[in-house]
Amino acid sequence: MRRAVFAGSFDPVTTGHIDIVERAAAMFDELIVCIFHNIQKEGCFPLDDRVQFLKKAVAHVPNTRVDVFSGLLTDYMKQQNASVVVRGLRSVKDFEYEENHAAMVRHLMPESDTIFLLTRPDLTFVSSSGVRELIRFRAPVQGIVPPAVEQAILKLYDQKSLRG
C-alpha cells in the first residue's frame, strides 16, 4: 500500500490545503492529513476544532484520514508505514523553505521521498497566516476556507475579543 502524509498545523485549514489533499489523494492508496501539534504554540483555533474542521473538509475524499501527532515527522511516518511526504508550494519562496525541510526528512529517513504539488494559480494568495490576519481584522474569509471554518470564524467575530 502506498501511503503518504500531508502534514501541517492547518490553523486554520484553507481551500488551498483542500486542493492539495484532493490531488494528492488521487496519487496514493491512503493520504494521512496530520496536524502536527506544537505544545509551545497556542493556535488561533484549538487543536480539537482544527481536527473537526479537517475531518469535515476532507470527508468527500474517501482514502484520507485525519490524525494528530507531536514529534518528528519521520517518527510519525515510520509509525504509520508511510514513505512519502506531500507538500504544497505557492511560490519560489515556499520551495526554498520546503527544499531544506525535504532534505532533512531524507537525511533522517533515507527511504522516504517528498513530492511537491503546485498550488492552483487562483489559490496562490491563500495561506493560514493570511486567514489569521483577516480574522484579527474581522475581514471576510468566504471562499478561502471551508464552510465549517467560515462558520467558526463568524462566531469568533461575534465575540468581544479575538485571539491572535
N, C-alpha and C. Protein backbone atom coordinates (compact mmCIF):
# COMPACT_ATOMS: atom_id res chain seq x y z
N MET A 1 0.84 -1.18 0.00
CA MET A 1 0.00 0.00 0.00
C MET A 1 0.89 1.25 0.00
N ARG A 2 0.60 2.17 -0.91
CA ARG A 2 1.33 3.43 -0.97
C ARG A 2 0.61 4.44 -0.08
N ARG A 3 1.29 4.83 0.98
CA ARG A 3 0.71 5.74 1.97
C ARG A 3 1.58 7.00 2.04
N ALA A 4 0.93 8.16 2.04
CA ALA A 4 1.64 9.44 2.12
C ALA A 4 1.08 10.26 3.27
N VAL A 5 1.88 11.21 3.72
CA VAL A 5 1.49 12.10 4.81
C VAL A 5 1.54 13.54 4.32
N PHE A 6 0.45 14.25 4.53
CA PHE A 6 0.39 15.69 4.29
C PHE A 6 0.30 16.32 5.67
N ALA A 7 1.38 16.93 6.11
CA ALA A 7 1.50 17.42 7.48
C ALA A 7 1.48 18.94 7.53
N GLY A 8 0.94 19.46 8.62
CA GLY A 8 0.93 20.90 8.81
C GLY A 8 0.23 21.25 10.11
N SER A 9 0.14 22.55 10.37
CA SER A 9 -0.60 22.98 11.56
C SER A 9 -2.08 23.19 11.22
N PHE A 10 -2.37 23.49 9.97
CA PHE A 10 -3.74 23.67 9.50
C PHE A 10 -4.52 24.57 10.45
N ASP A 11 -3.97 25.76 10.69
CA ASP A 11 -4.53 26.69 11.67
C ASP A 11 -4.89 28.03 11.03
N PRO A 12 -6.01 28.08 10.33
CA PRO A 12 -6.97 27.03 10.04
C PRO A 12 -6.70 26.39 8.67
N VAL A 13 -7.41 25.30 8.41
CA VAL A 13 -7.36 24.67 7.10
C VAL A 13 -7.96 25.65 6.09
N THR A 14 -7.38 25.68 4.89
CA THR A 14 -7.83 26.59 3.84
C THR A 14 -8.26 25.81 2.61
N THR A 15 -8.83 26.51 1.65
CA THR A 15 -9.20 25.88 0.38
C THR A 15 -7.95 25.42 -0.37
N GLY A 16 -6.84 26.09 -0.15
CA GLY A 16 -5.57 25.65 -0.75
C GLY A 16 -5.16 24.29 -0.21
N HIS A 17 -5.29 24.09 1.09
CA HIS A 17 -4.98 22.79 1.68
C HIS A 17 -5.88 21.71 1.08
N ILE A 18 -7.16 22.01 0.97
CA ILE A 18 -8.11 21.01 0.47
C ILE A 18 -7.78 20.64 -0.97
N ASP A 19 -7.40 21.61 -1.77
CA ASP A 19 -6.99 21.33 -3.15
C ASP A 19 -5.81 20.35 -3.18
N ILE A 20 -4.83 20.57 -2.32
CA ILE A 20 -3.67 19.67 -2.26
C ILE A 20 -4.12 18.28 -1.80
N VAL A 21 -4.98 18.20 -0.81
CA VAL A 21 -5.49 16.91 -0.34
C VAL A 21 -6.16 16.15 -1.47
N GLU A 22 -7.05 16.80 -2.18
CA GLU A 22 -7.78 16.13 -3.26
C GLU A 22 -6.83 15.60 -4.34
N ARG A 23 -5.88 16.40 -4.72
CA ARG A 23 -4.95 15.99 -5.78
C ARG A 23 -3.99 14.92 -5.31
N ALA A 24 -3.47 15.04 -4.08
CA ALA A 24 -2.53 14.04 -3.56
C ALA A 24 -3.23 12.71 -3.31
N ALA A 25 -4.45 12.76 -2.83
CA ALA A 25 -5.18 11.51 -2.54
C ALA A 25 -5.36 10.67 -3.80
N ALA A 26 -5.45 11.32 -4.95
CA ALA A 26 -5.59 10.58 -6.22
C ALA A 26 -4.32 9.82 -6.58
N MET A 27 -3.20 10.15 -5.94
CA MET A 27 -1.90 9.53 -6.27
C MET A 27 -1.54 8.37 -5.35
N PHE A 28 -2.25 8.23 -4.23
CA PHE A 28 -1.87 7.25 -3.22
C PHE A 28 -3.06 6.40 -2.81
N ASP A 29 -2.75 5.24 -2.25
CA ASP A 29 -3.82 4.39 -1.70
C ASP A 29 -4.44 5.05 -0.47
N GLU A 30 -3.59 5.70 0.33
CA GLU A 30 -4.08 6.40 1.51
C GLU A 30 -3.26 7.67 1.72
N LEU A 31 -3.96 8.74 2.06
CA LEU A 31 -3.31 10.00 2.41
C LEU A 31 -3.71 10.34 3.83
N ILE A 32 -2.71 10.49 4.68
CA ILE A 32 -2.96 10.90 6.07
C ILE A 32 -2.71 12.39 6.15
N VAL A 33 -3.74 13.12 6.54
CA VAL A 33 -3.60 14.56 6.76
C VAL A 33 -3.37 14.71 8.26
N CYS A 34 -2.14 15.07 8.61
CA CYS A 34 -1.76 15.04 10.02
C CYS A 34 -1.47 16.45 10.53
N ILE A 35 -2.18 16.80 11.58
CA ILE A 35 -1.92 18.07 12.26
C ILE A 35 -0.76 17.82 13.22
N PHE A 36 0.33 18.51 12.99
CA PHE A 36 1.46 18.39 13.90
C PHE A 36 1.27 19.44 14.98
N HIS A 37 1.10 18.95 16.19
CA HIS A 37 0.78 19.79 17.33
C HIS A 37 2.05 20.23 18.04
N ASN A 38 2.24 21.54 18.09
CA ASN A 38 3.38 22.11 18.81
C ASN A 38 2.85 22.65 20.14
N ILE A 39 3.19 21.97 21.21
CA ILE A 39 2.66 22.36 22.52
C ILE A 39 3.21 23.72 22.97
N GLN A 40 4.26 24.20 22.32
CA GLN A 40 4.84 25.50 22.67
C GLN A 40 4.04 26.66 22.07
N LYS A 41 3.19 26.37 21.07
CA LYS A 41 2.44 27.42 20.38
C LYS A 41 0.96 27.28 20.64
N GLU A 42 0.32 28.40 20.91
CA GLU A 42 -1.13 28.40 21.01
C GLU A 42 -1.67 28.83 19.65
N GLY A 43 -2.48 28.00 19.07
CA GLY A 43 -3.01 28.30 17.75
C GLY A 43 -4.17 29.27 17.81
N CYS A 44 -4.57 29.71 16.66
CA CYS A 44 -5.75 30.55 16.54
C CYS A 44 -6.99 29.74 16.93
N PHE A 45 -7.01 28.49 16.48
CA PHE A 45 -8.10 27.58 16.83
C PHE A 45 -7.55 26.45 17.68
N PRO A 46 -8.31 26.00 18.67
CA PRO A 46 -7.87 24.86 19.48
C PRO A 46 -7.68 23.62 18.61
N LEU A 47 -6.81 22.74 19.04
CA LEU A 47 -6.48 21.53 18.28
C LEU A 47 -7.73 20.72 17.95
N ASP A 48 -8.62 20.53 18.91
CA ASP A 48 -9.83 19.75 18.65
C ASP A 48 -10.68 20.36 17.54
N ASP A 49 -10.75 21.68 17.49
CA ASP A 49 -11.50 22.35 16.42
C ASP A 49 -10.83 22.11 15.07
N ARG A 50 -9.50 22.23 15.03
CA ARG A 50 -8.79 22.01 13.77
C ARG A 50 -9.01 20.60 13.25
N VAL A 51 -9.02 19.63 14.16
CA VAL A 51 -9.28 18.24 13.76
C VAL A 51 -10.67 18.14 13.14
N GLN A 52 -11.67 18.71 13.81
CA GLN A 52 -13.04 18.63 13.29
C GLN A 52 -13.18 19.37 11.96
N PHE A 53 -12.55 20.54 11.82
CA PHE A 53 -12.59 21.28 10.55
C PHE A 53 -12.02 20.42 9.43
N LEU A 54 -10.88 19.80 9.68
CA LEU A 54 -10.24 18.98 8.65
C LEU A 54 -11.09 17.77 8.30
N LYS A 55 -11.62 17.10 9.31
CA LYS A 55 -12.46 15.92 9.05
C LYS A 55 -13.65 16.28 8.16
N LYS A 56 -14.29 17.39 8.45
CA LYS A 56 -15.43 17.83 7.63
C LYS A 56 -14.97 18.21 6.22
N ALA A 57 -13.84 18.88 6.13
CA ALA A 57 -13.37 19.40 4.84
C ALA A 57 -12.88 18.30 3.90
N VAL A 58 -12.43 17.16 4.44
CA VAL A 58 -11.92 16.08 3.58
C VAL A 58 -12.84 14.86 3.57
N ALA A 59 -14.00 14.97 4.16
CA ALA A 59 -14.93 13.83 4.25
C ALA A 59 -15.29 13.29 2.86
N HIS A 60 -15.25 14.13 1.85
CA HIS A 60 -15.59 13.71 0.49
C HIS A 60 -14.46 12.97 -0.21
N VAL A 61 -13.31 12.87 0.42
CA VAL A 61 -12.15 12.19 -0.18
C VAL A 61 -11.99 10.86 0.57
N PRO A 62 -12.44 9.76 -0.02
CA PRO A 62 -12.57 8.51 0.73
C PRO A 62 -11.27 7.89 1.25
N ASN A 63 -10.16 8.13 0.61
CA ASN A 63 -8.91 7.48 1.05
C ASN A 63 -8.03 8.40 1.89
N THR A 64 -8.68 9.31 2.62
CA THR A 64 -7.93 10.18 3.54
C THR A 64 -8.38 9.90 4.96
N ARG A 65 -7.47 10.19 5.88
CA ARG A 65 -7.84 10.21 7.29
C ARG A 65 -7.06 11.33 7.95
N VAL A 66 -7.62 11.84 9.03
CA VAL A 66 -7.03 12.96 9.77
C VAL A 66 -6.45 12.40 11.07
N ASP A 67 -5.27 12.88 11.40
CA ASP A 67 -4.60 12.43 12.61
C ASP A 67 -3.88 13.62 13.24
N VAL A 68 -3.38 13.40 14.46
CA VAL A 68 -2.63 14.41 15.20
C VAL A 68 -1.36 13.76 15.73
N PHE A 69 -0.26 14.50 15.71
CA PHE A 69 0.99 13.97 16.23
C PHE A 69 1.82 15.11 16.76
N SER A 70 2.61 14.81 17.79
CA SER A 70 3.55 15.77 18.34
C SER A 70 4.91 15.11 18.35
N GLY A 71 5.81 15.56 17.54
CA GLY A 71 7.14 14.95 17.43
C GLY A 71 7.70 15.14 16.03
N LEU A 72 8.68 14.32 15.70
CA LEU A 72 9.32 14.41 14.39
C LEU A 72 8.45 13.77 13.31
N LEU A 73 8.39 14.42 12.17
CA LEU A 73 7.64 13.89 11.03
C LEU A 73 8.12 12.48 10.67
N THR A 74 9.43 12.27 10.68
CA THR A 74 9.95 10.95 10.30
C THR A 74 9.54 9.87 11.30
N ASP A 75 9.45 10.20 12.57
CA ASP A 75 8.96 9.23 13.55
C ASP A 75 7.51 8.85 13.23
N TYR A 76 6.72 9.85 12.90
CA TYR A 76 5.32 9.59 12.56
C TYR A 76 5.23 8.73 11.30
N MET A 77 6.02 9.06 10.30
CA MET A 77 5.99 8.30 9.05
C MET A 77 6.34 6.83 9.29
N LYS A 78 7.35 6.59 10.09
CA LYS A 78 7.73 5.20 10.39
C LYS A 78 6.60 4.49 11.13
N GLN A 79 5.99 5.17 12.08
CA GLN A 79 4.88 4.60 12.85
C GLN A 79 3.71 4.22 11.93
N GLN A 80 3.49 5.03 10.91
CA GLN A 80 2.36 4.82 10.00
C GLN A 80 2.71 4.03 8.74
N ASN A 81 3.98 3.63 8.64
CA ASN A 81 4.44 2.91 7.45
C ASN A 81 4.20 3.73 6.17
N ALA A 82 4.52 5.00 6.26
CA ALA A 82 4.40 5.92 5.12
C ALA A 82 5.79 6.31 4.65
N SER A 83 5.95 6.40 3.34
CA SER A 83 7.28 6.71 2.81
C SER A 83 7.33 8.02 2.04
N VAL A 84 6.19 8.70 1.90
CA VAL A 84 6.14 9.92 1.10
C VAL A 84 5.52 11.05 1.90
N VAL A 85 6.13 12.21 1.78
CA VAL A 85 5.60 13.46 2.34
C VAL A 85 5.05 14.27 1.19
N VAL A 86 3.87 14.83 1.37
CA VAL A 86 3.26 15.71 0.37
C VAL A 86 3.36 17.13 0.89
N ARG A 87 3.81 18.03 0.02
CA ARG A 87 3.89 19.45 0.39
C ARG A 87 3.32 20.28 -0.75
N GLY A 88 2.61 21.34 -0.40
CA GLY A 88 2.10 22.27 -1.39
C GLY A 88 3.03 23.47 -1.51
N LEU A 89 3.17 23.95 -2.73
CA LEU A 89 4.03 25.11 -2.99
C LEU A 89 3.22 26.22 -3.65
N ARG A 90 3.31 27.41 -3.08
CA ARG A 90 2.65 28.57 -3.67
C ARG A 90 3.62 29.43 -4.47
N SER A 91 4.91 29.38 -4.10
CA SER A 91 5.87 30.30 -4.71
C SER A 91 7.29 29.74 -4.59
N VAL A 92 8.22 30.44 -5.20
CA VAL A 92 9.63 30.09 -5.09
C VAL A 92 10.08 30.18 -3.63
N LYS A 93 9.55 31.14 -2.92
CA LYS A 93 9.88 31.29 -1.50
C LYS A 93 9.51 30.03 -0.73
N ASP A 94 8.32 29.48 -1.00
CA ASP A 94 7.91 28.22 -0.37
C ASP A 94 8.88 27.11 -0.74
N PHE A 95 9.28 27.06 -2.01
CA PHE A 95 10.19 26.00 -2.46
C PHE A 95 11.50 26.03 -1.69
N GLU A 96 12.06 27.20 -1.49
CA GLU A 96 13.34 27.30 -0.78
C GLU A 96 13.23 26.73 0.63
N TYR A 97 12.15 27.04 1.31
CA TYR A 97 11.93 26.51 2.66
C TYR A 97 11.71 24.99 2.60
N GLU A 98 10.82 24.57 1.72
CA GLU A 98 10.43 23.16 1.64
C GLU A 98 11.57 22.26 1.16
N GLU A 99 12.44 22.79 0.31
CA GLU A 99 13.59 22.01 -0.16
C GLU A 99 14.49 21.62 1.01
N ASN A 100 14.74 22.55 1.91
CA ASN A 100 15.56 22.25 3.09
C ASN A 100 14.86 21.26 4.00
N HIS A 101 13.57 21.43 4.18
CA HIS A 101 12.79 20.51 5.01
C HIS A 101 12.83 19.10 4.42
N ALA A 102 12.66 18.99 3.12
CA ALA A 102 12.69 17.68 2.45
C ALA A 102 14.06 17.02 2.60
N ALA A 103 15.12 17.81 2.53
CA ALA A 103 16.47 17.27 2.69
C ALA A 103 16.67 16.72 4.10
N MET A 104 16.14 17.41 5.10
CA MET A 104 16.26 16.93 6.47
C MET A 104 15.48 15.64 6.67
N VAL A 105 14.28 15.59 6.13
CA VAL A 105 13.48 14.36 6.22
C VAL A 105 14.23 13.21 5.56
N ARG A 106 14.79 13.47 4.40
CA ARG A 106 15.53 12.42 3.67
C ARG A 106 16.77 11.98 4.46
N HIS A 107 17.41 12.93 5.12
CA HIS A 107 18.58 12.60 5.95
C HIS A 107 18.19 11.66 7.09
N LEU A 108 17.06 11.96 7.73
CA LEU A 108 16.61 11.16 8.87
C LEU A 108 15.96 9.84 8.45
N MET A 109 15.43 9.83 7.23
CA MET A 109 14.71 8.65 6.74
C MET A 109 15.03 8.48 5.25
N PRO A 110 16.20 7.88 4.94
CA PRO A 110 16.67 7.81 3.55
C PRO A 110 15.70 7.14 2.58
N GLU A 111 14.85 6.27 3.07
CA GLU A 111 13.91 5.57 2.19
C GLU A 111 12.68 6.42 1.85
N SER A 112 12.62 7.62 2.39
CA SER A 112 11.46 8.49 2.16
C SER A 112 11.68 9.38 0.94
N ASP A 113 10.60 9.99 0.53
CA ASP A 113 10.66 10.96 -0.55
C ASP A 113 9.62 12.03 -0.29
N THR A 114 9.79 13.18 -0.91
CA THR A 114 8.86 14.29 -0.79
C THR A 114 8.37 14.66 -2.18
N ILE A 115 7.06 14.84 -2.31
CA ILE A 115 6.54 15.35 -3.58
C ILE A 115 5.97 16.74 -3.32
N PHE A 116 6.18 17.61 -4.29
CA PHE A 116 5.69 18.97 -4.21
C PHE A 116 4.57 19.15 -5.22
N LEU A 117 3.45 19.66 -4.76
CA LEU A 117 2.34 19.98 -5.66
C LEU A 117 2.18 21.49 -5.71
N LEU A 118 2.18 22.02 -6.92
CA LEU A 118 1.99 23.46 -7.08
C LEU A 118 0.54 23.83 -6.82
N THR A 119 0.37 24.89 -6.08
CA THR A 119 -0.96 25.40 -5.79
C THR A 119 -1.61 25.89 -7.07
N ARG A 120 -2.90 25.70 -7.18
CA ARG A 120 -3.62 26.27 -8.33
C ARG A 120 -3.39 27.77 -8.36
N PRO A 121 -3.25 28.34 -9.56
CA PRO A 121 -2.97 29.78 -9.66
C PRO A 121 -3.98 30.66 -8.93
N ASP A 122 -5.24 30.26 -8.91
CA ASP A 122 -6.26 31.08 -8.25
C ASP A 122 -6.20 31.00 -6.73
N LEU A 123 -5.33 30.12 -6.19
CA LEU A 123 -5.22 29.97 -4.74
C LEU A 123 -3.84 30.36 -4.19
N THR A 124 -2.97 30.91 -5.02
CA THR A 124 -1.61 31.20 -4.56
C THR A 124 -1.55 32.23 -3.44
N PHE A 125 -2.57 33.04 -3.31
CA PHE A 125 -2.57 34.06 -2.26
C PHE A 125 -3.10 33.54 -0.93
N VAL A 126 -3.66 32.33 -0.92
CA VAL A 126 -4.31 31.79 0.27
C VAL A 126 -3.28 31.13 1.19
N SER A 127 -3.28 31.55 2.45
CA SER A 127 -2.41 30.94 3.46
C SER A 127 -3.11 31.01 4.81
N SER A 128 -2.75 30.09 5.69
CA SER A 128 -3.33 30.11 7.04
C SER A 128 -2.97 31.41 7.76
N SER A 129 -1.73 31.87 7.58
CA SER A 129 -1.34 33.11 8.26
C SER A 129 -2.13 34.29 7.71
N GLY A 130 -2.41 34.30 6.43
CA GLY A 130 -3.25 35.35 5.85
C GLY A 130 -4.66 35.31 6.39
N VAL A 131 -5.20 34.10 6.54
CA VAL A 131 -6.54 33.94 7.12
C VAL A 131 -6.55 34.44 8.57
N ARG A 132 -5.51 34.09 9.32
CA ARG A 132 -5.45 34.57 10.71
C ARG A 132 -5.43 36.10 10.77
N GLU A 133 -4.75 36.73 9.83
CA GLU A 133 -4.74 38.19 9.80
C GLU A 133 -6.13 38.73 9.47
N LEU A 134 -6.81 38.09 8.53
CA LEU A 134 -8.18 38.51 8.22
C LEU A 134 -9.08 38.37 9.44
N ILE A 135 -8.88 37.29 10.20
CA ILE A 135 -9.67 37.09 11.42
C ILE A 135 -9.44 38.24 12.40
N ARG A 136 -8.16 38.61 12.58
CA ARG A 136 -7.85 39.69 13.53
C ARG A 136 -8.55 41.00 13.18
N PHE A 137 -8.68 41.23 11.86
CA PHE A 137 -9.30 42.48 11.41
C PHE A 137 -10.76 42.31 10.99
N ARG A 138 -11.29 41.12 11.28
CA ARG A 138 -12.70 40.83 11.01
C ARG A 138 -13.08 41.04 9.55
N ALA A 139 -12.19 40.62 8.68
CA ALA A 139 -12.42 40.73 7.24
C ALA A 139 -13.06 39.44 6.72
N PRO A 140 -13.70 39.50 5.55
CA PRO A 140 -14.37 38.30 5.03
C PRO A 140 -13.38 37.20 4.61
N VAL A 141 -13.77 35.96 4.85
CA VAL A 141 -12.94 34.80 4.51
C VAL A 141 -13.65 33.83 3.56
N GLN A 142 -14.80 34.23 3.09
CA GLN A 142 -15.59 33.36 2.21
C GLN A 142 -14.79 32.94 0.99
N GLY A 143 -14.80 31.64 0.70
CA GLY A 143 -14.13 31.11 -0.47
C GLY A 143 -12.68 30.72 -0.25
N ILE A 144 -12.08 31.15 0.86
CA ILE A 144 -10.68 30.78 1.10
C ILE A 144 -10.53 29.80 2.26
N VAL A 145 -11.64 29.51 2.93
CA VAL A 145 -11.66 28.47 3.96
C VAL A 145 -12.90 27.62 3.73
N PRO A 146 -12.88 26.36 4.18
CA PRO A 146 -14.08 25.52 4.06
C PRO A 146 -15.24 26.11 4.87
N PRO A 147 -16.48 25.76 4.51
CA PRO A 147 -17.65 26.33 5.21
C PRO A 147 -17.64 26.17 6.72
N ALA A 148 -17.21 25.03 7.25
CA ALA A 148 -17.20 24.85 8.71
C ALA A 148 -16.25 25.85 9.38
N VAL A 149 -15.15 26.13 8.73
CA VAL A 149 -14.19 27.10 9.27
C VAL A 149 -14.78 28.51 9.19
N GLU A 150 -15.41 28.81 8.08
CA GLU A 150 -16.03 30.13 7.94
C GLU A 150 -17.07 30.36 9.03
N GLN A 151 -17.88 29.35 9.32
CA GLN A 151 -18.89 29.48 10.38
C GLN A 151 -18.24 29.71 11.74
N ALA A 152 -17.14 29.00 12.01
CA ALA A 152 -16.43 29.18 13.28
C ALA A 152 -15.84 30.59 13.37
N ILE A 153 -15.34 31.09 12.26
CA ILE A 153 -14.78 32.44 12.25
C ILE A 153 -15.87 33.48 12.48
N LEU A 154 -17.03 33.27 11.86
CA LEU A 154 -18.14 34.21 12.09
C LEU A 154 -18.54 34.22 13.56
N LYS A 155 -18.49 33.07 14.21
CA LYS A 155 -18.77 33.02 15.66
C LYS A 155 -17.71 33.81 16.43
N LEU A 156 -16.45 33.70 15.99
CA LEU A 156 -15.39 34.48 16.65
C LEU A 156 -15.64 35.97 16.49
N TYR A 157 -16.10 36.38 15.31
CA TYR A 157 -16.38 37.80 15.07
C TYR A 157 -17.43 38.32 16.04
N ASP A 158 -18.34 37.45 16.46
CA ASP A 158 -19.39 37.85 17.39
C ASP A 158 -18.88 38.01 18.82
N GLN A 159 -17.71 37.45 19.10
CA GLN A 159 -17.15 37.56 20.45
C GLN A 159 -16.46 38.92 20.62
N LYS A 160 -16.34 39.36 21.85
CA LYS A 160 -15.76 40.68 22.10
C LYS A 160 -14.28 40.75 21.78
N SER A 161 -13.50 39.71 22.10
CA SER A 161 -12.08 39.75 21.82
C SER A 161 -11.68 38.55 20.98
N LEU A 162 -10.77 38.75 20.09
CA LEU A 162 -10.26 37.68 19.23
C LEU A 162 -8.87 37.30 19.67
N ARG A 163 -8.60 36.00 19.64
CA ARG A 163 -7.22 35.55 19.90
C ARG A 163 -6.37 35.91 18.71
N GLY A 164 -5.11 36.13 18.91
CA GLY A 164 -4.28 36.42 17.76
C GLY A 164 -2.90 36.36 18.09
